[in-house]
Amino acid sequence: METFHWQVAPNMSEKAEPKIKTIKLGDGYEQRIRDGINNDLRSYSVTLKVLREDAQHINDFLTRQGGLHAFKWREPNSHRLITVKCPSWTSNVMNTATTITATFEEVVA
């Protein structure tokens, strides 16, 4: 499994949306339980500001994964090495620099 080693900008956002199952019982009562053992996987919106030549390496890496294959990434806030996939990314090419915005979704395998 490959590792994403480029540094992301510090203004990264992290989304937590635990999966739960809810059963409505009537009279306003409901029962809630976790949906699976890995129900609290995170999603990250990351930005990379790099030189144009580095942007090509990042685009090549993400294209190789194709949104399908998972890769390792060190989450900047906790410094944990986690497994993620990248289903989408955009590149904004300027004169000498490129800004890449990507979504990293934590996965189990």
PDB file of N, CA and C in Angstrom:
ATOM      1  N   MET A   1       0.847  -1.166   0.000  1.00  0.00           N
ATOM      2  CA  MET A   1       0.000   0.000   0.000  1.00  0.00           C
ATOM      3  C   MET A   1       0.901   1.239   0.000  1.00  0.00           C
ATOM      4  N   GLU A   2       0.587   2.180  -0.881  1.00  0.00           N
ATOM      5  CA  GLU A   2       1.393   3.396  -0.993  1.00  0.00           C
ATOM      6  C   GLU A   2       1.071   4.375   0.144  1.00  0.00           C
ATOM      7  N   THR A   3       1.963   5.333   0.336  1.00  0.00           N
ATOM      8  CA  THR A   3       1.780   6.356   1.361  1.00  0.00           C
ATOM      9  C   THR A   3       1.785   7.732   0.714  1.00  0.00           C
ATOM     10  N   PHE A   4       0.802   8.555   1.080  1.00  0.00           N
ATOM     11  CA  PHE A   4       0.718   9.937   0.625  1.00  0.00           C
ATOM     12  C   PHE A   4       1.602  10.756   1.555  1.00  0.00           C
ATOM     13  N   HIS A   5       2.716  11.285   1.049  1.00  0.00           N
ATOM     14  CA  HIS A   5       3.689  11.939   1.916  1.00  0.00           C
ATOM     15  C   HIS A   5       3.751  13.457   1.775  1.00  0.00           C
ATOM     16  N   TRP A   6       2.883  14.069   0.967  1.00  0.00           N
ATOM     17  CA  TRP A   6       2.902  15.514   0.800  1.00  0.00           C
ATOM     18  C   TRP A   6       2.194  16.192   1.971  1.00  0.00           C
ATOM     19  N   GLN A   7       2.668  17.376   2.321  1.00  0.00           N
ATOM     20  CA  GLN A   7       2.130  18.134   3.446  1.00  0.00           C
ATOM     21  C   GLN A   7       0.888  18.913   3.004  1.00  0.00           C
ATOM     22  N   VAL A   8      -0.205  18.800   3.751  1.00  0.00           N
ATOM     23  CA  VAL A   8      -1.431  19.535   3.429  1.00  0.00           C
ATOM     24  C   VAL A   8      -1.425  20.869   4.167  1.00  0.00           C
ATOM     25  N   ALA A   9      -2.197  21.823   3.659  1.00  0.00           N
ATOM     26  CA  ALA A   9      -2.300  23.146   4.289  1.00  0.00           C
ATOM     27  C   ALA A   9      -2.982  23.018   5.650  1.00  0.00           C
ATOM     28  N   PRO A  10      -2.672  23.893   6.581  1.00  0.00           N
ATOM     29  CA  PRO A  10      -3.201  23.771   7.940  1.00  0.00           C
ATOM     30  C   PRO A  10      -4.699  24.044   8.067  1.00  0.00           C
ATOM     31  N   ASN A  11      -5.343  24.575   7.050  1.00  0.00           N
ATOM     32  CA  ASN A  11      -6.771  24.880   7.145  1.00  0.00           C
ATOM     33  C   ASN A  11      -7.652  23.694   6.734  1.00  0.00           C
ATOM     34  N   MET A  12      -7.222  22.494   7.027  1.00  0.00           N
ATOM     35  CA  MET A  12      -7.953  21.270   6.698  1.00  0.00           C
ATOM     36  C   MET A  12      -9.229  21.187   7.543  1.00  0.00           C
ATOM     37  N   SER A  13     -10.296  20.648   6.946  1.00  0.00           N
ATOM     38  CA  SER A  13     -11.504  20.416   7.742  1.00  0.00           C
ATOM     39  C   SER A  13     -11.737  18.916   7.879  1.00  0.00           C
ATOM     40  N   GLU A  14     -12.256  18.532   9.030  1.00  0.00           N
ATOM     41  CA  GLU A  14     -12.510  17.126   9.349  1.00  0.00           C
ATOM     42  C   GLU A  14     -14.001  16.968   9.636  1.00  0.00           C
ATOM     43  N   LYS A  15     -14.612  15.970   9.001  1.00  0.00           N
ATOM     44  CA  LYS A  15     -16.037  15.736   9.203  1.00  0.00           C
ATOM     45  C   LYS A  15     -16.240  14.387   9.886  1.00  0.00           C
ATOM     46  N   ALA A  16     -17.011  14.418  10.976  1.00  0.00           N
ATOM     47  CA  ALA A  16     -17.373  13.197  11.685  1.00  0.00           C
ATOM     48  C   ALA A  16     -18.880  13.026  11.567  1.00  0.00           C
ATOM     49  N   GLU A  17     -19.301  11.852  11.143  1.00  0.00           N
ATOM     50  CA  GLU A  17     -20.724  11.547  11.020  1.00  0.00           C
ATOM     51  C   GLU A  17     -20.927  10.072  11.369  1.00  0.00           C
ATOM     52  N   PRO A  18     -20.974   9.766  12.688  1.00  0.00           N
ATOM     53  CA  PRO A  18     -21.126   8.367  13.091  1.00  0.00           C
ATOM     54  C   PRO A  18     -22.405   7.752  12.506  1.00  0.00           C
ATOM     55  N   LYS A  19     -22.280   6.516  12.049  1.00  0.00           N
ATOM     56  CA  LYS A  19     -23.442   5.810  11.490  1.00  0.00           C
ATOM     57  C   LYS A  19     -24.202   5.134  12.624  1.00  0.00           C
ATOM     58  N   ILE A  20     -25.489   5.398  12.659  1.00  0.00           N
ATOM     59  CA  ILE A  20     -26.347   4.763  13.662  1.00  0.00           C
ATOM     60  C   ILE A  20     -27.607   4.235  12.994  1.00  0.00           C
ATOM     61  N   LYS A  21     -28.230   3.257  13.629  1.00  0.00           N
ATOM     62  CA  LYS A  21     -29.539   2.760  13.212  1.00  0.00           C
ATOM     63  C   LYS A  21     -30.545   3.237  14.242  1.00  0.00           C
ATOM     64  N   THR A  22     -31.661   3.749  13.764  1.00  0.00           N
ATOM     65  CA  THR A  22     -32.694   4.260  14.654  1.00  0.00           C
ATOM     66  C   THR A  22     -33.995   3.512  14.388  1.00  0.00           C
ATOM     67  N   ILE A  23     -34.614   3.059  15.465  1.00  0.00           N
ATOM     68  CA  ILE A  23     -35.912   2.385  15.373  1.00  0.00           C
ATOM     69  C   ILE A  23     -36.927   3.248  16.113  1.00  0.00           C
ATOM     70  N   LYS A  24     -37.954   3.706  15.385  1.00  0.00           N
ATOM     71  CA  LYS A  24     -39.026   4.517  15.973  1.00  0.00           C
ATOM     72  C   LYS A  24     -40.020   3.580  16.647  1.00  0.00           C
ATOM     73  N   LEU A  25     -40.292   3.832  17.930  1.00  0.00           N
ATOM     74  CA  LEU A  25     -41.155   2.946  18.707  1.00  0.00           C
ATOM     75  C   LEU A  25     -42.552   3.523  18.931  1.00  0.00           C
ATOM     76  N   GLY A  26     -42.772   4.760  18.606  1.00  0.00           N
ATOM     77  CA  GLY A  26     -44.073   5.383  18.827  1.00  0.00           C
ATOM     78  C   GLY A  26     -44.057   6.253  20.065  1.00  0.00           C
ATOM     79  N   ASP A  27     -45.012   7.167  20.159  1.00  0.00           N
ATOM     80  CA  ASP A  27     -45.124   8.104  21.277  1.00  0.00           C
ATOM     81  C   ASP A  27     -43.832   8.897  21.502  1.00  0.00           C
ATOM     82  N   GLY A  28     -43.044   9.103  20.445  1.00  0.00           N
ATOM     83  CA  GLY A  28     -41.818   9.878  20.546  1.00  0.00           C
ATOM     84  C   GLY A  28     -40.602   9.093  20.987  1.00  0.00           C
ATOM     85  N   TYR A  29     -40.769   7.827  21.312  1.00  0.00           N
ATOM     86  CA  TYR A  29     -39.635   7.009  21.744  1.00  0.00           C
ATOM     87  C   TYR A  29     -38.908   6.447  20.529  1.00  0.00           C
ATOM     88  N   GLU A  30     -37.603   6.309  20.681  1.00  0.00           N
ATOM     89  CA  GLU A  30     -36.809   5.670  19.642  1.00  0.00           C
ATOM     90  C   GLU A  30     -35.617   4.976  20.281  1.00  0.00           C
ATOM     91  N   GLN A  31     -35.146   3.947  19.581  1.00  0.00           N
ATOM     92  CA  GLN A  31     -33.976   3.217  20.045  1.00  0.00           C
ATOM     93  C   GLN A  31     -32.872   3.431  19.024  1.00  0.00           C
ATOM     94  N   ARG A  32     -31.664   3.756  19.494  1.00  0.00           N
ATOM     95  CA  ARG A  32     -30.521   4.014  18.616  1.00  0.00           C
ATOM     96  C   ARG A  32     -29.377   3.080  18.977  1.00  0.00           C
ATOM     97  N   ILE A  33     -28.748   2.516  17.937  1.00  0.00           N
ATOM     98  CA  ILE A  33     -27.577   1.666  18.135  1.00  0.00           C
ATOM     99  C   ILE A  33     -26.541   1.996  17.069  1.00  0.00           C
ATOM    100  N   ARG A  34     -25.279   1.671  17.363  1.00  0.00           N
ATOM    101  CA  ARG A  34     -24.222   1.843  16.366  1.00  0.00           C
ATOM    102  C   ARG A  34     -24.491   0.942  15.170  1.00  0.00           C
ATOM    103  N   ASP A  35     -24.149   1.438  13.985  1.00  0.00           N
ATOM    104  CA  ASP A  35     -24.299   0.661  12.756  1.00  0.00           C
ATOM    105  C   ASP A  35     -22.931   0.100  12.385  1.00  0.00           C
ATOM    106  N   GLY A  36     -22.572  -1.063  12.932  1.00  0.00           N
ATOM    107  CA  GLY A  36     -21.301  -1.707  12.624  1.00  0.00           C
ATOM    108  C   GLY A  36     -20.226  -1.364  13.637  1.00  0.00           C
ATOM    109  N   ILE A  37     -19.103  -2.064  13.531  1.00  0.00           N
ATOM    110  CA  ILE A  37     -18.028  -1.853  14.501  1.00  0.00           C
ATOM    111  C   ILE A  37     -17.150  -0.660  14.130  1.00  0.00           C
ATOM    112  N   ASN A  38     -17.129  -0.280  12.876  1.00  0.00           N
ATOM    113  CA  ASN A  38     -16.352   0.878  12.425  1.00  0.00           C
ATOM    114  C   ASN A  38     -17.316   1.970  11.969  1.00  0.00           C
ATOM    115  N   ASN A  39     -18.134   2.435  12.890  1.00  0.00           N
ATOM    116  CA  ASN A  39     -19.195   3.361  12.516  1.00  0.00           C
ATOM    117  C   ASN A  39     -18.783   4.828  12.588  1.00  0.00           C
ATOM    118  N   ASP A  40     -17.558   5.127  13.011  1.00  0.00           N
ATOM    119  CA  ASP A  40     -17.150   6.519  13.191  1.00  0.00           C
ATOM    120  C   ASP A  40     -15.910   6.849  12.362  1.00  0.00           C
ATOM    121  N   LEU A  41     -15.972   6.589  11.064  1.00  0.00           N
ATOM    122  CA  LEU A  41     -14.865   6.902  10.168  1.00  0.00           C
ATOM    123  C   LEU A  41     -14.979   8.358   9.734  1.00  0.00           C
ATOM    124  N   ARG A  42     -13.855   9.025   9.579  1.00  0.00           N
ATOM    125  CA  ARG A  42     -13.822  10.462   9.307  1.00  0.00           C
ATOM    126  C   ARG A  42     -13.622  10.757   7.823  1.00  0.00           C
ATOM    127  N   SER A  43     -13.984  11.961   7.455  1.00  0.00           N
ATOM    128  CA  SER A  43     -13.759  12.480   6.111  1.00  0.00           C
ATOM    129  C   SER A  43     -12.999  13.793   6.249  1.00  0.00           C
ATOM    130  N   TYR A  44     -12.013  14.015   5.397  1.00  0.00           N
ATOM    131  CA  TYR A  44     -11.146  15.188   5.490  1.00  0.00           C
ATOM    132  C   TYR A  44     -11.162  15.941   4.165  1.00  0.00           C
ATOM    133  N   SER A  45     -11.310  17.247   4.250  1.00  0.00           N
ATOM    134  CA  SER A  45     -11.180  18.107   3.083  1.00  0.00           C
ATOM    135  C   SER A  45      -9.818  18.786   3.194  1.00  0.00           C
ATOM    136  N   VAL A  46      -8.903  18.420   2.296  1.00  0.00           N
ATOM    137  CA  VAL A  46      -7.524  18.901   2.400  1.00  0.00           C
ATOM    138  C   VAL A  46      -7.163  19.774   1.200  1.00  0.00           C
ATOM    139  N   THR A  47      -6.221  20.676   1.436  1.00  0.00           N
ATOM    140  CA  THR A  47      -5.727  21.558   0.389  1.00  0.00           C
ATOM    141  C   THR A  47      -4.203  21.478   0.374  1.00  0.00           C
ATOM    142  N   LEU A  48      -3.645  21.397  -0.806  1.00  0.00           N
ATOM    143  CA  LEU A  48      -2.190  21.398  -0.976  1.00  0.00           C
ATOM    144  C   LEU A  48      -1.834  22.542  -1.903  1.00  0.00           C
ATOM    145  N   LYS A  49      -0.893  23.373  -1.483  1.00  0.00           N
ATOM    146  CA  LYS A  49      -0.393  24.461  -2.329  1.00  0.00           C
ATOM    147  C   LYS A  49       1.047  24.129  -2.655  1.00  0.00           C
ATOM    148  N   VAL A  50       1.287  23.781  -3.915  1.00  0.00           N
ATOM    149  CA  VAL A  50       2.600  23.282  -4.320  1.00  0.00           C
ATOM    150  C   VAL A  50       3.042  23.930  -5.625  1.00  0.00           C
ATOM    151  N   LEU A  51       4.312  23.754  -5.951  1.00  0.00           N
ATOM    152  CA  LEU A  51       4.820  24.184  -7.245  1.00  0.00           C
ATOM    153  C   LEU A  51       4.211  23.312  -8.333  1.00  0.00           C
ATOM    154  N   ARG A  52       4.163  23.831  -9.550  1.00  0.00           N
ATOM    155  CA  ARG A  52       3.502  23.106 -10.643  1.00  0.00           C
ATOM    156  C   ARG A  52       4.102  21.725 -10.885  1.00  0.00           C
ATOM    157  N   GLU A  53       5.425  21.593 -10.771  1.00  0.00           N
ATOM    158  CA  GLU A  53       6.047  20.284 -11.018  1.00  0.00           C
ATOM    159  C   GLU A  53       5.689  19.275  -9.925  1.00  0.00           C
ATOM    160  N   ASP A  54       5.525  19.736  -8.679  1.00  0.00           N
ATOM    161  CA  ASP A  54       5.093  18.837  -7.604  1.00  0.00           C
ATOM    162  C   ASP A  54       3.631  18.435  -7.771  1.00  0.00           C
ATOM    163  N   ALA A  55       2.841  19.335  -8.309  1.00  0.00           N
ATOM    164  CA  ALA A  55       1.421  19.044  -8.521  1.00  0.00           C
ATOM    165  C   ALA A  55       1.233  17.855  -9.451  1.00  0.00           C
ATOM    166  N   GLN A  56       2.102  17.725 -10.442  1.00  0.00           N
ATOM    167  CA  GLN A  56       1.996  16.595 -11.362  1.00  0.00           C
ATOM    168  C   GLN A  56       2.220  15.277 -10.639  1.00  0.00           C
ATOM    169  N   HIS A  57       3.158  15.236  -9.697  1.00  0.00           N
ATOM    170  CA  HIS A  57       3.410  14.014  -8.922  1.00  0.00           C
ATOM    171  C   HIS A  57       2.203  13.664  -8.046  1.00  0.00           C
ATOM    172  N   ILE A  58       1.587  14.679  -7.448  1.00  0.00           N
ATOM    173  CA  ILE A  58       0.405  14.446  -6.616  1.00  0.00           C
ATOM    174  C   ILE A  58      -0.754  13.949  -7.468  1.00  0.00           C
ATOM    175  N   ASN A  59      -0.973  14.599  -8.611  1.00  0.00           N
ATOM    176  CA  ASN A  59      -2.047  14.150  -9.516  1.00  0.00           C
ATOM    177  C   ASN A  59      -1.800  12.730 -10.007  1.00  0.00           C
ATOM    178  N   ASP A  60      -0.557  12.403 -10.312  1.00  0.00           N
ATOM    179  CA  ASP A  60      -0.227  11.040 -10.741  1.00  0.00           C
ATOM    180  C   ASP A  60      -0.535  10.033  -9.629  1.00  0.00           C
ATOM    181  N   PHE A  61      -0.160  10.386  -8.393  1.00  0.00           N
ATOM    182  CA  PHE A  61      -0.421   9.505  -7.256  1.00  0.00           C
ATOM    183  C   PHE A  61      -1.926   9.264  -7.096  1.00  0.00           C
ATOM    184  N   LEU A  62      -2.719  10.343  -7.087  1.00  0.00           N
ATOM    185  CA  LEU A  62      -4.167  10.204  -6.898  1.00  0.00           C
ATOM    186  C   LEU A  62      -4.826   9.482  -8.074  1.00  0.00           C
ATOM    187  N   THR A  63      -4.335   9.729  -9.276  1.00  0.00           N
ATOM    188  CA  THR A  63      -4.871   9.033 -10.449  1.00  0.00           C
ATOM    189  C   THR A  63      -4.568   7.539 -10.376  1.00  0.00           C
ATOM    190  N   ARG A  64      -3.385   7.191  -9.898  1.00  0.00           N
ATOM    191  CA  ARG A  64      -3.010   5.781  -9.744  1.00  0.00           C
ATOM    192  C   ARG A  64      -3.955   5.072  -8.772  1.00  0.00           C
ATOM    193  N   GLN A  65      -4.360   5.770  -7.718  1.00  0.00           N
ATOM    194  CA  GLN A  65      -5.280   5.170  -6.749  1.00  0.00           C
ATOM    195  C   GLN A  65      -6.697   5.097  -7.326  1.00  0.00           C
ATOM    196  N   GLY A  66      -7.037   6.045  -8.185  1.00  0.00           N
ATOM    197  CA  GLY A  66      -8.288   6.017  -8.923  1.00  0.00           C
ATOM    198  C   GLY A  66      -9.556   6.069  -8.071  1.00  0.00           C
ATOM    199  N   GLY A  67      -9.466   6.555  -6.841  1.00  0.00           N
ATOM    200  CA  GLY A  67     -10.637   6.586  -5.976  1.00  0.00           C
ATOM    201  C   GLY A  67     -11.026   5.225  -5.455  1.00  0.00           C
ATOM    202  N   LEU A  68     -10.337   4.199  -5.896  1.00  0.00           N
ATOM    203  CA  LEU A  68     -10.662   2.815  -5.561  1.00  0.00           C
ATOM    204  C   LEU A  68      -9.706   2.243  -4.528  1.00  0.00           C
ATOM    205  N   HIS A  69      -8.412   2.470  -4.744  1.00  0.00           N
ATOM    206  CA  HIS A  69      -7.398   1.884  -3.871  1.00  0.00           C
ATOM    207  C   HIS A  69      -7.120   2.795  -2.678  1.00  0.00           C
ATOM    208  N   ALA A  70      -6.984   2.190  -1.527  1.00  0.00           N
ATOM    209  CA  ALA A  70      -6.672   2.927  -0.310  1.00  0.00           C
ATOM    210  C   ALA A  70      -5.169   3.169  -0.222  1.00  0.00           C
ATOM    211  N   PHE A  71      -4.805   4.183   0.536  1.00  0.00           N
ATOM    212  CA  PHE A  71      -3.401   4.495   0.768  1.00  0.00           C
ATOM    213  C   PHE A  71      -3.244   5.026   2.192  1.00  0.00           C
ATOM    214  N   LYS A  72      -2.018   5.058   2.669  1.00  0.00           N
ATOM    215  CA  LYS A  72      -1.719   5.543   4.017  1.00  0.00           C
ATOM    216  C   LYS A  72      -1.513   7.050   3.968  1.00  0.00           C
ATOM    217  N   TRP A  73      -1.953   7.724   5.046  1.00  0.00           N
ATOM    218  CA  TRP A  73      -1.797   9.171   5.157  1.00  0.00           C
ATOM    219  C   TRP A  73      -1.684   9.537   6.627  1.00  0.00           C
ATOM    220  N   ARG A  74      -0.748  10.401   6.957  1.00  0.00           N
ATOM    221  CA  ARG A  74      -0.578  10.831   8.346  1.00  0.00           C
ATOM    222  C   ARG A  74      -1.468  12.047   8.585  1.00  0.00           C
ATOM    223  N   GLU A  75      -2.484  11.831   9.408  1.00  0.00           N
ATOM    224  CA  GLU A  75      -3.451  12.880   9.718  1.00  0.00           C
ATOM    225  C   GLU A  75      -2.739  13.952  10.535  1.00  0.00           C
ATOM    226  N   PRO A  76      -2.721  15.216  10.077  1.00  0.00           N
ATOM    227  CA  PRO A  76      -1.896  16.252  10.708  1.00  0.00           C
ATOM    228  C   PRO A  76      -2.276  16.608  12.147  1.00  0.00           C
ATOM    229  N   ASN A  77      -3.541  16.536  12.518  1.00  0.00           N
ATOM    230  CA  ASN A  77      -3.947  16.940  13.870  1.00  0.00           C
ATOM    231  C   ASN A  77      -3.502  15.941  14.936  1.00  0.00           C
ATOM    232  N   SER A  78      -3.719  14.657  14.674  1.00  0.00           N
ATOM    233  CA  SER A  78      -3.384  13.630  15.672  1.00  0.00           C
ATOM    234  C   SER A  78      -2.076  12.912  15.347  1.00  0.00           C
ATOM    235  N   HIS A  79      -1.565  13.112  14.146  1.00  0.00           N
ATOM    236  CA  HIS A  79      -0.343  12.456  13.658  1.00  0.00           C
ATOM    237  C   HIS A  79      -0.496  10.938  13.569  1.00  0.00           C
ATOM    238  N   ARG A  80      -1.756  10.460  13.511  1.00  0.00           N
ATOM    239  CA  ARG A  80      -1.999   9.030  13.322  1.00  0.00           C
ATOM    240  C   ARG A  80      -1.817   8.686  11.844  1.00  0.00           C
ATOM    241  N   LEU A  81      -1.248   7.535  11.564  1.00  0.00           N
ATOM    242  CA  LEU A  81      -1.153   7.030  10.204  1.00  0.00           C
ATOM    243  C   LEU A  81      -2.430   6.251   9.936  1.00  0.00           C
ATOM    244  N   ILE A  82      -3.289   6.784   9.068  1.00  0.00           N
ATOM    245  CA  ILE A  82      -4.582   6.159   8.812  1.00  0.00           C
ATOM    246  C   ILE A  82      -4.682   5.730   7.351  1.00  0.00           C
ATOM    247  N   THR A  83      -5.637   4.878   7.074  1.00  0.00           N
ATOM    248  CA  THR A  83      -5.891   4.402   5.721  1.00  0.00           C
ATOM    249  C   THR A  83      -7.064   5.183   5.153  1.00  0.00           C
ATOM    250  N   VAL A  84      -6.859   5.778   3.977  1.00  0.00           N
ATOM    251  CA  VAL A  84      -7.884   6.602   3.348  1.00  0.00           C
ATOM    252  C   VAL A  84      -7.983   6.267   1.863  1.00  0.00           C
ATOM    253  N   LYS A  85      -9.059   6.748   1.251  1.00  0.00           N
ATOM    254  CA  LYS A  85      -9.190   6.747  -0.210  1.00  0.00           C
ATOM    255  C   LYS A  85      -9.542   8.170  -0.615  1.00  0.00           C
ATOM    256  N   CYS A  86      -9.296   8.506  -1.862  1.00  0.00           N
ATOM    257  CA  CYS A  86      -9.576   9.852  -2.364  1.00  0.00           C
ATOM    258  C   CYS A  86     -10.514   9.742  -3.558  1.00  0.00           C
ATOM    259  N   PRO A  87     -11.834   9.909  -3.322  1.00  0.00           N
ATOM    260  CA  PRO A  87     -12.782   9.762  -4.422  1.00  0.00           C
ATOM    261  C   PRO A  87     -12.831  10.956  -5.369  1.00  0.00           C
ATOM    262  N   SER A  88     -12.335  12.143  -4.913  1.00  0.00           N
ATOM    263  CA  SER A  88     -12.384  13.307  -5.803  1.00  0.00           C
ATOM    264  C   SER A  88     -11.335  14.337  -5.403  1.00  0.00           C
ATOM    265  N   TRP A  89     -10.854  15.061  -6.398  1.00  0.00           N
ATOM    266  CA  TRP A  89      -9.908  16.148  -6.176  1.00  0.00           C
ATOM    267  C   TRP A  89      -9.982  17.106  -7.347  1.00  0.00           C
ATOM    268  N   THR A  90      -9.610  18.355  -7.097  1.00  0.00           N
ATOM    269  CA  THR A  90      -9.582  19.374  -8.148  1.00  0.00           C
ATOM    270  C   THR A  90      -8.242  20.093  -8.086  1.00  0.00           C
ATOM    271  N   SER A  91      -7.788  20.556  -9.248  1.00  0.00           N
ATOM    272  CA  SER A  91      -6.527  21.294  -9.341  1.00  0.00           C
ATOM    273  C   SER A  91      -6.807  22.676  -9.906  1.00  0.00           C
ATOM    274  N   ASN A  92      -6.226  23.682  -9.283  1.00  0.00           N
ATOM    275  CA  ASN A  92      -6.310  25.051  -9.768  1.00  0.00           C
ATOM    276  C   ASN A  92      -4.893  25.484 -10.122  1.00  0.00           C
ATOM    277  N   VAL A  93      -4.601  25.515 -11.421  1.00  0.00           N
ATOM    278  CA  VAL A  93      -3.240  25.785 -11.897  1.00  0.00           C
ATOM    279  C   VAL A  93      -3.064  27.286 -12.110  1.00  0.00           C
ATOM    280  N   MET A  94      -2.018  27.842 -11.480  1.00  0.00           N
ATOM    281  CA  MET A  94      -1.675  29.255 -11.651  1.00  0.00           C
ATOM    282  C   MET A  94      -0.318  29.331 -12.359  1.00  0.00           C
ATOM    283  N   ASN A  95       0.297  30.495 -12.395  1.00  0.00           N
ATOM    284  CA  ASN A  95       1.559  30.657 -13.120  1.00  0.00           C
ATOM    285  C   ASN A  95       2.646  29.716 -12.632  1.00  0.00           C
ATOM    286  N   THR A  96       3.002  29.788 -11.362  1.00  0.00           N
ATOM    287  CA  THR A  96       4.100  28.963 -10.850  1.00  0.00           C
ATOM    288  C   THR A  96       3.646  27.963  -9.802  1.00  0.00           C
ATOM    289  N   ALA A  97       2.423  28.097  -9.311  1.00  0.00           N
ATOM    290  CA  ALA A  97       1.933  27.222  -8.244  1.00  0.00           C
ATOM    291  C   ALA A  97       0.614  26.580  -8.641  1.00  0.00           C
ATOM    292  N   THR A  98       0.289  25.519  -7.948  1.00  0.00           N
ATOM    293  CA  THR A  98      -0.975  24.822  -8.155  1.00  0.00           C
ATOM    294  C   THR A  98      -1.599  24.553  -6.793  1.00  0.00           C
ATOM    295  N   THR A  99      -2.899  24.747  -6.710  1.00  0.00           N
ATOM    296  CA  THR A  99      -3.646  24.417  -5.501  1.00  0.00           C
ATOM    297  C   THR A  99      -4.490  23.189  -5.796  1.00  0.00           C
ATOM    298  N   ILE A 100      -4.316  22.158  -5.000  1.00  0.00           N
ATOM    299  CA  ILE A 100      -5.092  20.920  -5.147  1.00  0.00           C
ATOM    300  C   ILE A 100      -5.983  20.782  -3.929  1.00  0.00           C
ATOM    301  N   THR A 101      -7.265  20.608  -4.168  1.00  0.00           N
ATOM    302  CA  THR A 101      -8.233  20.388  -3.098  1.00  0.00           C
ATOM    303  C   THR A 101      -8.758  18.968  -3.258  1.00  0.00           C
ATOM    304  N   ALA A 102      -8.710  18.187  -2.174  1.00  0.00           N
ATOM    305  CA  ALA A 102      -9.095  16.774  -2.251  1.00  0.00           C
ATOM    306  C   ALA A 102      -9.930  16.379  -1.038  1.00  0.00           C
ATOM    307  N   THR A 103     -10.687  15.317  -1.227  1.00  0.00           N
ATOM    308  CA  THR A 103     -11.439  14.718  -0.135  1.00  0.00           C
ATOM    309  C   THR A 103     -10.810  13.372   0.179  1.00  0.00           C
ATOM    310  N   PHE A 104     -10.391  13.192   1.428  1.00  0.00           N
ATOM    311  CA  PHE A 104      -9.852  11.917   1.903  1.00  0.00           C
ATOM    312  C   PHE A 104     -10.894  11.294   2.823  1.00  0.00           C
ATOM    313  N   GLU A 105     -11.291  10.065   2.534  1.00  0.00           N
ATOM    314  CA  GLU A 105     -12.257   9.350   3.342  1.00  0.00           C
ATOM    315  C   GLU A 105     -11.566   8.179   4.030  1.00  0.00           C
ATOM    316  N   GLU A 106     -11.673   8.132   5.343  1.00  0.00           N
ATOM    317  CA  GLU A 106     -11.060   7.042   6.099  1.00  0.00           C
ATOM    318  C   GLU A 106     -11.766   5.744   5.780  1.00  0.00           C
ATOM    319  N   VAL A 107     -10.972   4.683   5.586  1.00  0.00           N
ATOM    320  CA  VAL A 107     -11.503   3.361   5.299  1.00  0.00           C
ATOM    321  C   VAL A 107     -10.833   2.347   6.206  1.00  0.00           C
ATOM    322  N   VAL A 108     -11.427   1.163   6.315  1.00  0.00           N
ATOM    323  CA  VAL A 108     -10.872   0.139   7.176  1.00  0.00           C
ATOM    324  C   VAL A 108      -9.851  -0.707   6.431  1.00  0.00           C
ATOM    325  N   ALA A 109     -10.118  -1.009   5.186  1.00  0.00           N
ATOM    326  CA  ALA A 109      -9.177  -1.826   4.422  1.00  0.00           C
ATOM    327  C   ALA A 109      -9.036  -1.313   3.016  1.00  0.00           C
TER     328      ALA A 109
END
